[in-house]
Amino acid sequence: MLDILLITAPIYLIIALGFGAVRFGLFEKADMRLIGRLLVLIILPIMVFRTIGQYDIDDILQVDFLTVYLLASVLAWVLAHQWARRWRGHDGAMSSFMAMGMSGSNSVFVGYPILSQLIGPAADVALALCLLVENLVVYPLTMLMADRRAGQSWSQALRHAGASVWRNPILAAIVLGVLCATAGWHLPALLDRTAALVASAAAPLALFMIGGILVGQQVRGMRLDLTAVTFGKLVLHPALTLAVLWVLPIASAPMALAAVAMAAMPLPSLYPALGQRHGIEGFCAAALVTVTVVSFFTLNAWLWLLPRWLPSLVP
């Protein structure tokens, strides 16, 4: 367990540093929005492109991993949506974002830094495949169902969801990276070195930003729904991934571990920004706070247990 804590604790210490910097006035909370734009529009796309482009296409498209993570994420989304809609009586937007809260992971800013220390270069491939599932399935499905229930026609909702996907610079980086990997193209040494320097800033900046975002967020008055999202994200999603692994084993033990570990990561840091369109950014921000704090304990537990469970799942 101490080895696991040595890997995960720095991640949460950087989050705490960002929280303290905003809490004590070194930065304004509005500054976190600027950091977020820098990450989303420039640093993260460069990191994703370089990560994918340095591999051959056969190394990236690991169908077994993609199938397991996709099935588990969609199953978590559907179960969460039905629970929120039928049992809690929420509208379509709230139900959809609760479903996203239980099925979308912070694979880039928390998952990748941790996995890169645990499984080495295999974390690059796991990140690329998780981003495909999140950007092509989880996020568009959430926006589609949220907009549809808000009164839009199916065609309008589909157009909006599709536009949201194709305006996403991360998706553009994924597509370009896959094209380069397929063609066998690689960046010249100078550009690759530049991209590596830019990409190295992604994790610390993002973790600092997450800490700053958490300042001042209120969690009162939402106890049941926050508990549900926290349990769904940190327990149900990885448990479903583990269950799918029993049926559809992944050939590589590091990639099997990565699938469950990515599912156990906290919420994406952009979750409140996405909820703002539907007026539920307050709940999304409260969920981000709660899940991020609790994940310190659950994630360390998962990472301690997984190496003891996964050998039996590898054919």
C-alpha atoms as a PDB file:
ATOM      1  CA  MET A   1       0.000   0.000   0.000  1.00  0.00           C
ATOM      2  CA  LEU A   2       2.855   2.407   0.740  1.00  0.00           C
ATOM      3  CA  ASP A   3       4.123   1.988  -2.835  1.00  0.00           C
ATOM      4  CA  ILE A   4       0.660   2.888  -4.152  1.00  0.00           C
ATOM      5  CA  LEU A   5       0.476   5.966  -1.924  1.00  0.00           C
ATOM      6  CA  LEU A   6       3.874   7.141  -3.182  1.00  0.00           C
ATOM      7  CA  ILE A   7       2.405   7.116  -6.692  1.00  0.00           C
ATOM      8  CA  THR A   8      -1.005   8.662  -5.983  1.00  0.00           C
ATOM      9  CA  ALA A   9      -0.207  11.090  -3.149  1.00  0.00           C
ATOM     10  CA  PRO A  10       1.722  13.600  -5.352  1.00  0.00           C
ATOM     11  CA  ILE A  11      -1.331  13.832  -7.641  1.00  0.00           C
ATOM     12  CA  TYR A  12      -3.552  14.891  -4.758  1.00  0.00           C
ATOM     13  CA  LEU A  13      -0.865  17.130  -3.261  1.00  0.00           C
ATOM     14  CA  ILE A  14      -0.767  19.149  -6.488  1.00  0.00           C
ATOM     15  CA  ILE A  15      -4.584  19.394  -6.355  1.00  0.00           C
ATOM     16  CA  ALA A  16      -4.247  20.617  -2.759  1.00  0.00           C
ATOM     17  CA  LEU A  17      -1.626  23.154  -3.903  1.00  0.00           C
ATOM     18  CA  GLY A  18      -4.054  24.575  -6.460  1.00  0.00           C
ATOM     19  CA  PHE A  19      -6.799  24.708  -3.834  1.00  0.00           C
ATOM     20  CA  GLY A  20      -4.525  26.548  -1.404  1.00  0.00           C
ATOM     21  CA  ALA A  21      -3.281  28.991  -4.040  1.00  0.00           C
ATOM     22  CA  VAL A  22      -6.836  30.110  -4.825  1.00  0.00           C
ATOM     23  CA  ARG A  23      -8.121  29.843  -1.261  1.00  0.00           C
ATOM     24  CA  PHE A  24      -5.415  32.173   0.050  1.00  0.00           C
ATOM     25  CA  GLY A  25      -5.566  34.648  -2.821  1.00  0.00           C
ATOM     26  CA  LEU A  26      -2.417  33.877  -4.807  1.00  0.00           C
ATOM     27  CA  PHE A  27      -4.661  33.212  -7.810  1.00  0.00           C
ATOM     28  CA  GLU A  28      -8.221  34.201  -8.609  1.00  0.00           C
ATOM     29  CA  LYS A  29     -10.729  31.475  -9.326  1.00  0.00           C
ATOM     30  CA  ALA A  30     -11.259  33.065 -12.747  1.00  0.00           C
ATOM     31  CA  ASP A  31      -7.603  32.299 -13.502  1.00  0.00           C
ATOM     32  CA  MET A  32      -8.462  28.604 -13.454  1.00  0.00           C
ATOM     33  CA  ARG A  33     -10.744  29.151 -16.425  1.00  0.00           C
ATOM     34  CA  LEU A  34      -7.803  30.583 -18.410  1.00  0.00           C
ATOM     35  CA  ILE A  35      -5.630  27.616 -17.439  1.00  0.00           C
ATOM     36  CA  GLY A  36      -8.446  25.339 -18.553  1.00  0.00           C
ATOM     37  CA  ARG A  37      -8.629  26.997 -21.969  1.00  0.00           C
ATOM     38  CA  LEU A  38      -4.875  26.689 -22.394  1.00  0.00           C
ATOM     39  CA  LEU A  39      -5.067  22.999 -21.545  1.00  0.00           C
ATOM     40  CA  VAL A  40      -8.076  22.147 -23.701  1.00  0.00           C
ATOM     41  CA  LEU A  41      -7.172  24.200 -26.768  1.00  0.00           C
ATOM     42  CA  ILE A  42      -3.390  23.753 -26.936  1.00  0.00           C
ATOM     43  CA  ILE A  43      -1.568  21.579 -24.425  1.00  0.00           C
ATOM     44  CA  LEU A  44      -3.890  18.578 -24.257  1.00  0.00           C
ATOM     45  CA  PRO A  45      -4.389  18.205 -28.049  1.00  0.00           C
ATOM     46  CA  ILE A  46      -0.606  18.337 -28.536  1.00  0.00           C
ATOM     47  CA  MET A  47      -0.099  15.724 -25.832  1.00  0.00           C
ATOM     48  CA  VAL A  48      -2.772  13.415 -27.283  1.00  0.00           C
ATOM     49  CA  PHE A  49      -1.465  13.787 -30.834  1.00  0.00           C
ATOM     50  CA  ARG A  50       2.102  13.030 -29.818  1.00  0.00           C
ATOM     51  CA  THR A  51       1.026  10.112 -27.615  1.00  0.00           C
ATOM     52  CA  ILE A  52      -0.902   8.415 -30.429  1.00  0.00           C
ATOM     53  CA  GLY A  53       1.388   9.401 -33.297  1.00  0.00           C
ATOM     54  CA  GLN A  54       4.488   7.773 -31.852  1.00  0.00           C
ATOM     55  CA  TYR A  55       2.939   4.285 -32.050  1.00  0.00           C
ATOM     56  CA  ASP A  56       2.068   1.978 -34.918  1.00  0.00           C
ATOM     57  CA  ILE A  57      -1.654   1.619 -35.566  1.00  0.00           C
ATOM     58  CA  ASP A  58      -1.599  -2.063 -34.525  1.00  0.00           C
ATOM     59  CA  ASP A  59      -0.292  -1.046 -31.100  1.00  0.00           C
ATOM     60  CA  ILE A  60      -3.042   1.522 -30.578  1.00  0.00           C
ATOM     61  CA  LEU A  61      -6.176  -0.257 -31.741  1.00  0.00           C
ATOM     62  CA  GLN A  62      -6.381  -2.933 -29.068  1.00  0.00           C
ATOM     63  CA  VAL A  63      -9.907  -4.172 -29.667  1.00  0.00           C
ATOM     64  CA  ASP A  64     -10.120  -6.196 -26.451  1.00  0.00           C
ATOM     65  CA  PHE A  65      -9.390  -3.162 -24.253  1.00  0.00           C
ATOM     66  CA  LEU A  66     -11.653  -0.921 -26.307  1.00  0.00           C
ATOM     67  CA  THR A  67     -14.535  -3.412 -26.101  1.00  0.00           C
ATOM     68  CA  VAL A  68     -14.262  -3.892 -22.332  1.00  0.00           C
ATOM     69  CA  TYR A  69     -14.015  -0.193 -21.515  1.00  0.00           C
ATOM     70  CA  LEU A  70     -16.787   0.744 -23.944  1.00  0.00           C
ATOM     71  CA  LEU A  71     -19.228  -1.893 -22.661  1.00  0.00           C
ATOM     72  CA  ALA A  72     -18.577  -1.062 -19.000  1.00  0.00           C
ATOM     73  CA  SER A  73     -18.912   2.703 -19.574  1.00  0.00           C
ATOM     74  CA  VAL A  74     -22.135   2.404 -21.569  1.00  0.00           C
ATOM     75  CA  LEU A  75     -23.604  -0.021 -19.032  1.00  0.00           C
ATOM     76  CA  ALA A  76     -22.733   2.375 -16.177  1.00  0.00           C
ATOM     77  CA  TRP A  77     -24.292   5.263 -18.124  1.00  0.00           C
ATOM     78  CA  VAL A  78     -27.548   3.408 -18.840  1.00  0.00           C
ATOM     79  CA  LEU A  79     -27.965   2.117 -15.277  1.00  0.00           C
ATOM     80  CA  ALA A  80     -27.290   5.562 -13.813  1.00  0.00           C
ATOM     81  CA  HIS A  81     -29.659   7.294 -16.234  1.00  0.00           C
ATOM     82  CA  GLN A  82     -32.485   4.868 -15.500  1.00  0.00           C
ATOM     83  CA  TRP A  83     -31.962   5.196 -11.746  1.00  0.00           C
ATOM     84  CA  ALA A  84     -31.975   8.997 -11.881  1.00  0.00           C
ATOM     85  CA  ARG A  85     -34.954   9.132 -14.231  1.00  0.00           C
ATOM     86  CA  ARG A  86     -37.218   6.438 -12.799  1.00  0.00           C
ATOM     87  CA  TRP A  87     -36.322   6.319  -9.112  1.00  0.00           C
ATOM     88  CA  ARG A  88     -35.320   9.924  -8.458  1.00  0.00           C
ATOM     89  CA  GLY A  89     -37.719  11.530 -10.938  1.00  0.00           C
ATOM     90  CA  HIS A  90     -35.134  13.909 -12.419  1.00  0.00           C
ATOM     91  CA  ASP A  91     -35.546  15.531 -15.800  1.00  0.00           C
ATOM     92  CA  GLY A  92     -33.575  14.443 -18.823  1.00  0.00           C
ATOM     93  CA  ALA A  93     -30.710  16.903 -18.377  1.00  0.00           C
ATOM     94  CA  MET A  94     -30.108  16.061 -14.726  1.00  0.00           C
ATOM     95  CA  SER A  95     -30.451  12.327 -15.388  1.00  0.00           C
ATOM     96  CA  SER A  96     -28.026  12.507 -18.305  1.00  0.00           C
ATOM     97  CA  PHE A  97     -25.395  14.408 -16.347  1.00  0.00           C
ATOM     98  CA  MET A  98     -25.727  12.074 -13.376  1.00  0.00           C
ATOM     99  CA  ALA A  99     -25.156   9.246 -15.862  1.00  0.00           C
ATOM    100  CA  MET A 100     -22.076  11.002 -17.226  1.00  0.00           C
ATOM    101  CA  GLY A 101     -20.905  11.527 -13.665  1.00  0.00           C
ATOM    102  CA  MET A 102     -20.960   7.764 -13.105  1.00  0.00           C
ATOM    103  CA  SER A 103     -19.369   6.779 -16.428  1.00  0.00           C
ATOM    104  CA  GLY A 104     -16.912   9.522 -17.458  1.00  0.00           C
ATOM    105  CA  SER A 105     -13.390   9.498 -16.018  1.00  0.00           C
ATOM    106  CA  ASN A 106     -10.623  12.047 -15.673  1.00  0.00           C
ATOM    107  CA  SER A 107      -8.407   9.819 -17.774  1.00  0.00           C
ATOM    108  CA  VAL A 108      -6.041  12.589 -18.875  1.00  0.00           C
ATOM    109  CA  PHE A 109      -5.293  14.702 -15.836  1.00  0.00           C
ATOM    110  CA  VAL A 110      -5.483  12.082 -13.075  1.00  0.00           C
ATOM    111  CA  GLY A 111      -5.548   8.668 -14.755  1.00  0.00           C
ATOM    112  CA  TYR A 112      -2.623   9.095 -17.112  1.00  0.00           C
ATOM    113  CA  PRO A 113      -0.113  10.491 -14.572  1.00  0.00           C
ATOM    114  CA  ILE A 114      -0.874   7.597 -12.217  1.00  0.00           C
ATOM    115  CA  LEU A 115      -0.918   4.842 -14.833  1.00  0.00           C
ATOM    116  CA  SER A 116       2.276   6.039 -16.497  1.00  0.00           C
ATOM    117  CA  GLN A 117       4.052   5.295 -13.209  1.00  0.00           C
ATOM    118  CA  LEU A 118       2.289   1.963 -12.743  1.00  0.00           C
ATOM    119  CA  ILE A 119       2.465   0.393 -16.212  1.00  0.00           C
ATOM    120  CA  GLY A 120       4.878   2.581 -18.184  1.00  0.00           C
ATOM    121  CA  PRO A 121       4.366   3.098 -21.946  1.00  0.00           C
ATOM    122  CA  ALA A 122       1.174   1.005 -21.951  1.00  0.00           C
ATOM    123  CA  ALA A 123      -0.482   4.007 -20.280  1.00  0.00           C
ATOM    124  CA  ASP A 124      -0.131   5.943 -23.561  1.00  0.00           C
ATOM    125  CA  VAL A 125      -2.248   3.403 -25.418  1.00  0.00           C
ATOM    126  CA  ALA A 126      -4.777   3.129 -22.592  1.00  0.00           C
ATOM    127  CA  LEU A 127      -5.175   6.917 -22.590  1.00  0.00           C
ATOM    128  CA  ALA A 128      -5.788   7.061 -26.348  1.00  0.00           C
ATOM    129  CA  LEU A 129      -8.433   4.321 -26.207  1.00  0.00           C
ATOM    130  CA  CYS A 130     -10.189   5.819 -23.180  1.00  0.00           C
ATOM    131  CA  LEU A 131     -10.320   9.189 -24.920  1.00  0.00           C
ATOM    132  CA  LEU A 132     -11.989   7.534 -27.916  1.00  0.00           C
ATOM    133  CA  VAL A 133     -14.730   6.083 -25.710  1.00  0.00           C
ATOM    134  CA  GLU A 134     -15.228   9.297 -23.745  1.00  0.00           C
ATOM    135  CA  ASN A 135     -15.204  11.705 -26.697  1.00  0.00           C
ATOM    136  CA  LEU A 136     -17.102   9.568 -29.194  1.00  0.00           C
ATOM    137  CA  VAL A 137     -19.619   7.833 -26.901  1.00  0.00           C
ATOM    138  CA  VAL A 138     -20.006   9.080 -23.309  1.00  0.00           C
ATOM    139  CA  TYR A 139     -19.974  12.846 -23.893  1.00  0.00           C
ATOM    140  CA  PRO A 140     -22.075  12.864 -27.105  1.00  0.00           C
ATOM    141  CA  LEU A 141     -24.613  10.463 -25.543  1.00  0.00           C
ATOM    142  CA  THR A 142     -24.932  12.782 -22.543  1.00  0.00           C
ATOM    143  CA  MET A 143     -25.426  15.904 -24.655  1.00  0.00           C
ATOM    144  CA  LEU A 144     -27.847  14.111 -26.978  1.00  0.00           C
ATOM    145  CA  MET A 145     -30.122  12.868 -24.196  1.00  0.00           C
ATOM    146  CA  ALA A 146     -29.893  16.106 -22.199  1.00  0.00           C
ATOM    147  CA  ASP A 147     -30.866  18.220 -25.217  1.00  0.00           C
ATOM    148  CA  ARG A 148     -33.546  15.797 -26.363  1.00  0.00           C
ATOM    149  CA  ARG A 149     -35.317  15.872 -23.018  1.00  0.00           C
ATOM    150  CA  ALA A 150     -35.026  19.652 -22.964  1.00  0.00           C
ATOM    151  CA  GLY A 151     -37.558  19.785 -25.808  1.00  0.00           C
ATOM    152  CA  GLN A 152     -35.419  19.499 -28.907  1.00  0.00           C
ATOM    153  CA  SER A 153     -36.334  17.156 -31.703  1.00  0.00           C
ATOM    154  CA  TRP A 154     -34.154  14.098 -32.250  1.00  0.00           C
ATOM    155  CA  SER A 155     -32.640  15.669 -35.376  1.00  0.00           C
ATOM    156  CA  GLN A 156     -31.770  18.882 -33.527  1.00  0.00           C
ATOM    157  CA  ALA A 157     -30.280  16.954 -30.613  1.00  0.00           C
ATOM    158  CA  LEU A 158     -28.236  14.785 -32.968  1.00  0.00           C
ATOM    159  CA  ARG A 159     -26.920  17.831 -34.823  1.00  0.00           C
ATOM    160  CA  HIS A 160     -25.924  19.527 -31.577  1.00  0.00           C
ATOM    161  CA  ALA A 161     -24.240  16.407 -30.213  1.00  0.00           C
ATOM    162  CA  GLY A 162     -22.395  15.889 -33.501  1.00  0.00           C
ATOM    163  CA  ALA A 163     -21.282  19.516 -33.629  1.00  0.00           C
ATOM    164  CA  SER A 164     -20.028  19.297 -30.039  1.00  0.00           C
ATOM    165  CA  VAL A 165     -17.946  16.274 -30.958  1.00  0.00           C
ATOM    166  CA  TRP A 166     -16.384  17.675 -34.104  1.00  0.00           C
ATOM    167  CA  ARG A 167     -15.588  21.030 -32.509  1.00  0.00           C
ATOM    168  CA  ASN A 168     -13.611  19.190 -29.862  1.00  0.00           C
ATOM    169  CA  PRO A 169      -9.856  19.831 -30.416  1.00  0.00           C
ATOM    170  CA  ILE A 170      -9.042  16.637 -28.513  1.00  0.00           C
ATOM    171  CA  LEU A 171     -10.991  14.601 -31.066  1.00  0.00           C
ATOM    172  CA  ALA A 172      -9.141  16.368 -33.889  1.00  0.00           C
ATOM    173  CA  ALA A 173      -5.859  15.423 -32.208  1.00  0.00           C
ATOM    174  CA  ILE A 174      -7.012  11.798 -31.917  1.00  0.00           C
ATOM    175  CA  VAL A 175      -7.966  11.648 -35.605  1.00  0.00           C
ATOM    176  CA  LEU A 176      -4.687  13.232 -36.736  1.00  0.00           C
ATOM    177  CA  GLY A 177      -2.700  10.965 -34.443  1.00  0.00           C
ATOM    178  CA  VAL A 178      -4.420   7.841 -35.783  1.00  0.00           C
ATOM    179  CA  LEU A 179      -3.841   8.987 -39.375  1.00  0.00           C
ATOM    180  CA  CYS A 180      -0.135   9.530 -38.693  1.00  0.00           C
ATOM    181  CA  ALA A 181       0.131   6.174 -36.930  1.00  0.00           C
ATOM    182  CA  THR A 182      -1.618   4.452 -39.844  1.00  0.00           C
ATOM    183  CA  ALA A 183       0.661   6.097 -42.422  1.00  0.00           C
ATOM    184  CA  GLY A 184       3.783   5.536 -40.329  1.00  0.00           C
ATOM    185  CA  TRP A 185       4.547   9.261 -40.166  1.00  0.00           C
ATOM    186  CA  HIS A 186       6.478  10.692 -37.224  1.00  0.00           C
ATOM    187  CA  LEU A 187       7.286  14.255 -36.216  1.00  0.00           C
ATOM    188  CA  PRO A 188      10.765  15.567 -37.034  1.00  0.00           C
ATOM    189  CA  ALA A 189      13.073  15.513 -34.014  1.00  0.00           C
ATOM    190  CA  LEU A 190      12.795  19.264 -33.372  1.00  0.00           C
ATOM    191  CA  LEU A 191       8.981  19.277 -33.426  1.00  0.00           C
ATOM    192  CA  ASP A 192       8.786  16.091 -31.392  1.00  0.00           C
ATOM    193  CA  ARG A 193      11.016  17.599 -28.722  1.00  0.00           C
ATOM    194  CA  THR A 194       8.873  20.743 -28.683  1.00  0.00           C
ATOM    195  CA  ALA A 195       5.677  18.689 -28.405  1.00  0.00           C
ATOM    196  CA  ALA A 196       7.199  16.649 -25.571  1.00  0.00           C
ATOM    197  CA  LEU A 197       7.994  19.825 -23.621  1.00  0.00           C
ATOM    198  CA  VAL A 198       4.467  21.159 -24.115  1.00  0.00           C
ATOM    199  CA  ALA A 199       2.902  17.811 -23.162  1.00  0.00           C
ATOM    200  CA  SER A 200       4.952  17.587 -19.983  1.00  0.00           C
ATOM    201  CA  ALA A 201       3.095  20.639 -18.661  1.00  0.00           C
ATOM    202  CA  ALA A 202      -0.339  19.022 -19.016  1.00  0.00           C
ATOM    203  CA  ALA A 203      -0.557  16.969 -15.827  1.00  0.00           C
ATOM    204  CA  PRO A 204       0.728  19.509 -13.238  1.00  0.00           C
ATOM    205  CA  LEU A 205      -1.248  22.392 -14.757  1.00  0.00           C
ATOM    206  CA  ALA A 206      -4.444  20.348 -14.913  1.00  0.00           C
ATOM    207  CA  LEU A 207      -4.132  19.077 -11.359  1.00  0.00           C
ATOM    208  CA  PHE A 208      -3.440  22.609 -10.122  1.00  0.00           C
ATOM    209  CA  MET A 209      -6.524  23.806 -12.020  1.00  0.00           C
ATOM    210  CA  ILE A 210      -8.711  21.085 -10.492  1.00  0.00           C
ATOM    211  CA  GLY A 211      -7.680  22.230  -7.017  1.00  0.00           C
ATOM    212  CA  GLY A 212      -8.501  25.830  -7.842  1.00  0.00           C
ATOM    213  CA  ILE A 213     -11.916  24.894  -9.228  1.00  0.00           C
ATOM    214  CA  LEU A 214     -12.833  23.148  -5.974  1.00  0.00           C
ATOM    215  CA  VAL A 215     -12.573  26.353  -3.899  1.00  0.00           C
ATOM    216  CA  GLY A 216     -15.944  27.635  -2.717  1.00  0.00           C
ATOM    217  CA  GLN A 217     -18.055  24.841  -4.154  1.00  0.00           C
ATOM    218  CA  GLN A 218     -21.025  23.941  -1.971  1.00  0.00           C
ATOM    219  CA  VAL A 219     -22.191  20.358  -1.450  1.00  0.00           C
ATOM    220  CA  ARG A 220     -25.099  20.906   0.947  1.00  0.00           C
ATOM    221  CA  GLY A 221     -28.664  19.953   0.006  1.00  0.00           C
ATOM    222  CA  MET A 222     -27.707  17.340  -2.599  1.00  0.00           C
ATOM    223  CA  ARG A 223     -26.698  14.490  -0.331  1.00  0.00           C
ATOM    224  CA  LEU A 224     -28.557  11.573  -1.955  1.00  0.00           C
ATOM    225  CA  ASP A 225     -27.667  12.455  -5.543  1.00  0.00           C
ATOM    226  CA  LEU A 226     -24.049  13.242  -4.643  1.00  0.00           C
ATOM    227  CA  THR A 227     -23.773   9.926  -2.805  1.00  0.00           C
ATOM    228  CA  ALA A 228     -25.179   8.123  -5.837  1.00  0.00           C
ATOM    229  CA  VAL A 229     -22.756   9.768  -8.277  1.00  0.00           C
ATOM    230  CA  THR A 230     -19.814   9.171  -5.949  1.00  0.00           C
ATOM    231  CA  PHE A 231     -20.676   5.502  -5.479  1.00  0.00           C
ATOM    232  CA  GLY A 232     -21.454   5.045  -9.174  1.00  0.00           C
ATOM    233  CA  LYS A 233     -18.207   6.638 -10.345  1.00  0.00           C
ATOM    234  CA  LEU A 234     -15.749   5.242  -7.821  1.00  0.00           C
ATOM    235  CA  VAL A 235     -17.268   1.811  -7.129  1.00  0.00           C
ATOM    236  CA  LEU A 236     -19.873   0.821  -9.729  1.00  0.00           C
ATOM    237  CA  HIS A 237     -17.989   1.864 -12.882  1.00  0.00           C
ATOM    238  CA  PRO A 238     -14.741   0.005 -12.014  1.00  0.00           C
ATOM    239  CA  ALA A 239     -16.757  -2.952 -10.663  1.00  0.00           C
ATOM    240  CA  LEU A 240     -18.649  -3.206 -13.957  1.00  0.00           C
ATOM    241  CA  THR A 241     -15.349  -3.034 -15.840  1.00  0.00           C
ATOM    242  CA  LEU A 242     -14.010  -5.845 -13.682  1.00  0.00           C
ATOM    243  CA  ALA A 243     -17.173  -7.872 -14.336  1.00  0.00           C
ATOM    244  CA  VAL A 244     -16.856  -7.405 -18.105  1.00  0.00           C
ATOM    245  CA  LEU A 245     -13.218  -8.513 -17.817  1.00  0.00           C
ATOM    246  CA  TRP A 246     -14.353 -11.827 -16.339  1.00  0.00           C
ATOM    247  CA  VAL A 247     -16.380 -12.445 -19.511  1.00  0.00           C
ATOM    248  CA  LEU A 248     -14.071 -10.791 -22.065  1.00  0.00           C
ATOM    249  CA  PRO A 249     -10.487 -10.997 -20.734  1.00  0.00           C
ATOM    250  CA  ILE A 250      -7.856  -8.585 -22.029  1.00  0.00           C
ATOM    251  CA  ALA A 251      -4.725 -10.377 -23.227  1.00  0.00           C
ATOM    252  CA  SER A 252      -2.297  -7.915 -21.631  1.00  0.00           C
ATOM    253  CA  ALA A 253      -2.215  -7.785 -17.821  1.00  0.00           C
ATOM    254  CA  PRO A 254      -1.085  -4.097 -17.739  1.00  0.00           C
ATOM    255  CA  MET A 255      -3.921  -3.121 -20.086  1.00  0.00           C
ATOM    256  CA  ALA A 256      -6.435  -5.090 -17.997  1.00  0.00           C
ATOM    257  CA  LEU A 257      -5.283  -3.203 -14.925  1.00  0.00           C
ATOM    258  CA  ALA A 258      -5.489   0.071 -16.865  1.00  0.00           C
ATOM    259  CA  ALA A 259      -9.119  -0.570 -17.893  1.00  0.00           C
ATOM    260  CA  VAL A 260     -10.325  -0.968 -14.304  1.00  0.00           C
ATOM    261  CA  ALA A 261      -8.045   1.753 -12.946  1.00  0.00           C
ATOM    262  CA  MET A 262      -9.240   4.297 -15.534  1.00  0.00           C
ATOM    263  CA  ALA A 263     -12.838   3.497 -14.609  1.00  0.00           C
ATOM    264  CA  ALA A 264     -11.966   4.151 -10.949  1.00  0.00           C
ATOM    265  CA  MET A 265     -10.674   7.680 -11.633  1.00  0.00           C
ATOM    266  CA  PRO A 266     -12.633  10.756 -10.483  1.00  0.00           C
ATOM    267  CA  LEU A 267     -14.788  12.997 -12.645  1.00  0.00           C
ATOM    268  CA  PRO A 268     -13.483  15.025 -15.600  1.00  0.00           C
ATOM    269  CA  SER A 269     -12.507  18.543 -14.523  1.00  0.00           C
ATOM    270  CA  LEU A 270     -14.708  20.017 -17.290  1.00  0.00           C
ATOM    271  CA  TYR A 271     -17.844  18.400 -15.861  1.00  0.00           C
ATOM    272  CA  PRO A 272     -19.239  21.641 -14.350  1.00  0.00           C
ATOM    273  CA  ALA A 273     -18.569  23.573 -17.566  1.00  0.00           C
ATOM    274  CA  LEU A 274     -20.550  21.034 -19.590  1.00  0.00           C
ATOM    275  CA  GLY A 275     -23.435  21.184 -17.121  1.00  0.00           C
ATOM    276  CA  GLN A 276     -23.612  24.981 -17.340  1.00  0.00           C
ATOM    277  CA  ARG A 277     -25.591  24.811 -20.604  1.00  0.00           C
ATOM    278  CA  HIS A 278     -28.451  23.135 -18.717  1.00  0.00           C
ATOM    279  CA  GLY A 279     -28.237  25.193 -15.535  1.00  0.00           C
ATOM    280  CA  ILE A 280     -26.939  22.377 -13.360  1.00  0.00           C
ATOM    281  CA  GLU A 281     -23.335  23.510 -12.985  1.00  0.00           C
ATOM    282  CA  GLY A 282     -23.883  23.849  -9.235  1.00  0.00           C
ATOM    283  CA  PHE A 283     -24.640  20.164  -8.847  1.00  0.00           C
ATOM    284  CA  CYS A 284     -21.828  19.220 -11.256  1.00  0.00           C
ATOM    285  CA  ALA A 285     -19.321  21.326  -9.306  1.00  0.00           C
ATOM    286  CA  ALA A 286     -20.466  19.811  -6.005  1.00  0.00           C
ATOM    287  CA  ALA A 287     -20.121  16.336  -7.510  1.00  0.00           C
ATOM    288  CA  LEU A 288     -16.619  17.178  -8.728  1.00  0.00           C
ATOM    289  CA  VAL A 289     -15.631  18.220  -5.207  1.00  0.00           C
ATOM    290  CA  THR A 290     -17.125  15.155  -3.535  1.00  0.00           C
ATOM    291  CA  VAL A 291     -15.853  12.568  -6.003  1.00  0.00           C
ATOM    292  CA  THR A 292     -12.351  14.059  -6.145  1.00  0.00           C
ATOM    293  CA  VAL A 293     -11.980  14.019  -2.349  1.00  0.00           C
ATOM    294  CA  VAL A 294     -13.394  10.504  -1.884  1.00  0.00           C
ATOM    295  CA  SER A 295     -11.371   9.134  -4.808  1.00  0.00           C
ATOM    296  CA  PHE A 296      -8.171   9.472  -2.795  1.00  0.00           C
ATOM    297  CA  PHE A 297      -9.340   6.593  -0.627  1.00  0.00           C
ATOM    298  CA  THR A 298     -11.185   4.462  -3.190  1.00  0.00           C
ATOM    299  CA  LEU A 299      -8.544   4.780  -5.897  1.00  0.00           C
ATOM    300  CA  ASN A 300      -5.767   3.691  -3.576  1.00  0.00           C
ATOM    301  CA  ALA A 301      -7.912   0.733  -2.509  1.00  0.00           C
ATOM    302  CA  TRP A 302      -8.552  -0.306  -6.122  1.00  0.00           C
ATOM    303  CA  LEU A 303      -4.882  -0.002  -7.073  1.00  0.00           C
ATOM    304  CA  TRP A 304      -3.893  -2.115  -4.072  1.00  0.00           C
ATOM    305  CA  LEU A 305      -6.487  -4.815  -4.824  1.00  0.00           C
ATOM    306  CA  LEU A 306      -6.232  -5.017  -8.627  1.00  0.00           C
ATOM    307  CA  PRO A 307      -2.804  -6.710  -8.900  1.00  0.00           C
ATOM    308  CA  ARG A 308      -4.128  -9.403  -6.557  1.00  0.00           C
ATOM    309  CA  TRP A 309      -7.274  -9.989  -8.638  1.00  0.00           C
ATOM    310  CA  LEU A 310      -6.245  -9.466 -12.256  1.00  0.00           C
ATOM    311  CA  PRO A 311      -3.815 -12.375 -12.872  1.00  0.00           C
ATOM    312  CA  SER A 312      -6.783 -14.737 -12.986  1.00  0.00           C
ATOM    313  CA  LEU A 313      -8.449 -12.596 -15.685  1.00  0.00           C
ATOM    314  CA  VAL A 314      -5.577 -12.854 -18.185  1.00  0.00           C
ATOM    315  CA  PRO A 315      -5.932 -15.820 -20.625  1.00  0.00           C
END
